[in-house]
Amino acid sequence: MSDSLQTYLEAAEGAGKVLAHARLLVRLAAVYQEIVPSHLGQASSVANYKSRVVVIHASNGAVATKLRQMAPTLLATFTQRGFECSGVQVRVHARLDPETARVPAQKPLSVRTTQELAALSDSLPLSPLRTALENLLTRSAKQE
């Protein structure tokens, strides 16, 4: 069974093109991780290779900007390493990792802080600051 699956994956009429493309992407990704600084490598990845253009997804605009500045170096290195590459395209593609998509925990105000803010709010005349303090006290989770 595994022989027939391997034969199918490698056959041109089967999934051979897909498998070859996947292997190419793995090789490109390995070279990419060697080239870029580690902090940029952690915030980006090789997404595709089409029409001799390497497509890189960056997790935010700052990383994308830095990678665009590095595009000539990336292109030269990919070409030097034997890839037929005529360009590098960088796109911002936010990741949905649990770490980055976490909702920050709401920290409750202590009883003392709540009392001090309430006293400050009461001592202020009607103003945007007083309204903001009252809204803060209303919305905040109070520590029991």
Protein backbone atom coordinates (compact mmCIF):
# COMPACT_ATOMS: atom_id res chain seq x y z
CA MET A 1 0.00 0.00 0.00
CA SER A 2 2.77 2.48 0.87
CA ASP A 3 4.57 1.68 -2.41
CA SER A 4 1.48 2.51 -4.43
CA LEU A 5 0.94 5.73 -2.46
CA GLN A 6 4.56 6.78 -3.00
CA THR A 7 4.27 5.94 -6.70
CA TYR A 8 1.08 8.01 -6.96
CA LEU A 9 2.66 10.97 -5.16
CA GLU A 10 5.68 10.95 -7.47
CA ALA A 11 3.81 10.31 -10.75
CA ALA A 12 3.32 13.33 -13.00
CA GLU A 13 -0.35 12.52 -13.54
CA GLY A 14 -0.86 12.02 -9.80
CA ALA A 15 0.23 14.45 -7.15
CA GLY A 16 3.77 14.67 -8.52
CA LYS A 17 3.58 18.36 -9.32
CA VAL A 18 2.20 19.17 -5.91
CA LEU A 19 4.84 17.08 -4.16
CA ALA A 20 7.63 18.65 -6.22
CA HIS A 21 6.31 22.13 -5.42
CA ALA A 22 6.08 21.28 -1.73
CA ARG A 23 9.69 20.05 -1.72
CA LEU A 24 10.77 23.26 -3.46
CA LEU A 25 8.97 25.35 -0.83
CA VAL A 26 10.66 23.40 1.97
CA ARG A 27 14.09 24.04 0.41
CA LEU A 28 13.28 27.73 -0.12
CA ALA A 29 12.06 28.06 3.46
CA ALA A 30 15.27 26.50 4.80
CA VAL A 31 17.43 28.91 2.79
CA TYR A 32 15.19 31.82 3.81
CA GLN A 33 15.61 31.01 7.52
CA GLU A 34 19.39 30.97 7.05
CA ILE A 35 19.40 34.37 5.32
CA VAL A 36 17.16 36.54 7.48
CA PRO A 37 17.85 37.59 11.08
CA SER A 38 16.12 35.31 13.57
CA HIS A 39 13.60 37.93 14.75
CA LEU A 40 12.44 38.46 11.15
CA GLY A 41 12.41 34.72 10.46
CA GLN A 42 10.11 34.15 13.43
CA ALA A 43 7.71 36.83 12.21
CA SER A 44 7.60 35.72 8.56
CA SER A 45 7.66 32.69 6.29
CA VAL A 46 7.95 31.60 2.68
CA ALA A 47 4.37 31.24 1.47
CA ASN A 48 4.71 30.34 -2.20
CA TYR A 49 6.88 30.28 -5.30
CA LYS A 50 5.16 31.10 -8.56
CA SER A 51 6.33 32.49 -11.89
CA ARG A 52 9.90 32.61 -10.53
CA VAL A 53 8.81 34.92 -7.68
CA VAL A 54 9.23 33.97 -4.01
CA VAL A 55 6.20 35.10 -1.98
CA ILE A 56 6.89 35.83 1.69
CA HIS A 57 4.21 36.46 4.32
CA ALA A 58 5.11 38.85 7.13
CA SER A 59 3.13 39.00 10.36
CA ASN A 60 2.98 42.82 10.44
CA GLY A 61 3.83 45.94 8.49
CA ALA A 62 7.13 46.64 10.23
CA VAL A 63 8.48 43.18 9.40
CA ALA A 64 7.20 43.51 5.83
CA THR A 65 8.97 46.85 5.41
CA LYS A 66 12.28 45.46 6.64
CA LEU A 67 11.94 42.42 4.36
CA ARG A 68 11.19 44.67 1.39
CA GLN A 69 14.42 46.52 2.16
CA MET A 70 16.22 43.17 2.17
CA ALA A 71 14.58 41.99 -1.09
CA PRO A 72 17.66 42.56 -3.30
CA THR A 73 19.81 40.54 -0.87
CA LEU A 74 17.20 37.79 -0.65
CA LEU A 75 16.91 37.64 -4.42
CA ALA A 76 20.69 37.47 -4.90
CA THR A 77 21.04 34.72 -2.29
CA PHE A 78 18.18 32.63 -3.70
CA THR A 79 19.73 32.92 -7.17
CA GLN A 80 23.19 32.11 -5.82
CA ARG A 81 21.79 29.00 -4.11
CA GLY A 82 20.44 27.69 -7.41
CA PHE A 83 16.81 28.81 -7.44
CA GLU A 84 15.47 30.36 -10.63
CA CYS A 85 14.23 33.52 -8.99
CA SER A 86 13.42 36.84 -10.62
CA GLY A 87 11.76 38.58 -7.70
CA VAL A 88 10.70 38.58 -4.07
CA GLN A 89 7.20 39.69 -3.07
CA VAL A 90 6.41 40.48 0.57
CA ARG A 91 2.84 40.54 1.83
CA VAL A 92 1.43 41.28 5.26
CA HIS A 93 -0.46 38.24 6.43
CA ALA A 94 -1.42 38.32 10.10
CA ARG A 95 -1.01 35.01 11.87
CA LEU A 96 -3.73 33.58 14.02
CA ASP A 97 -1.44 32.00 16.56
CA PRO A 98 -2.95 31.58 20.03
CA GLU A 99 -0.04 33.59 21.45
CA THR A 100 -0.62 36.61 19.23
CA ALA A 101 -4.41 36.42 19.23
CA ARG A 102 -4.74 36.31 23.01
CA VAL A 103 -7.17 38.72 24.62
CA PRO A 104 -5.41 40.52 27.45
CA ALA A 105 -6.74 39.62 30.86
CA GLN A 106 -8.66 42.36 32.60
CA LYS A 107 -6.88 43.23 35.80
CA PRO A 108 -9.23 44.22 38.58
CA LEU A 109 -8.75 47.43 40.52
CA SER A 110 -7.93 46.99 44.17
CA VAL A 111 -10.39 48.25 46.76
CA ARG A 112 -7.98 51.04 47.74
CA THR A 113 -7.49 52.14 44.12
CA THR A 114 -11.25 52.11 43.55
CA GLN A 115 -11.81 54.25 46.66
CA GLU A 116 -9.08 56.74 45.69
CA LEU A 117 -10.37 57.10 42.14
CA ALA A 118 -13.94 57.53 43.42
CA ALA A 119 -12.78 60.23 45.84
CA LEU A 120 -10.87 61.99 43.07
CA SER A 121 -13.88 61.80 40.78
CA ASP A 122 -16.16 63.26 43.48
CA SER A 123 -13.75 66.15 44.08
CA LEU A 124 -13.68 67.18 40.41
CA PRO A 125 -16.17 69.55 38.79
CA LEU A 126 -18.28 68.24 35.92
CA SER A 127 -15.71 67.74 33.17
CA PRO A 128 -14.52 65.18 30.63
CA LEU A 129 -11.95 63.95 33.17
CA ARG A 130 -14.63 63.30 35.79
CA THR A 131 -16.79 61.50 33.21
CA ALA A 132 -13.83 59.37 32.15
CA LEU A 133 -13.06 58.41 35.76
CA GLU A 134 -16.70 57.51 36.39
CA ASN A 135 -16.74 55.35 33.24
CA LEU A 136 -13.51 53.65 34.31
CA LEU A 137 -14.95 52.85 37.73
CA THR A 138 -18.18 51.55 36.20
CA ARG A 139 -16.47 49.28 33.65
CA SER A 140 -13.56 48.02 35.72
CA ALA A 141 -13.62 44.66 37.38
CA LYS A 142 -13.50 45.23 41.09
CA GLN A 143 -11.34 43.09 43.31
CA GLU A 144 -13.26 41.48 46.12
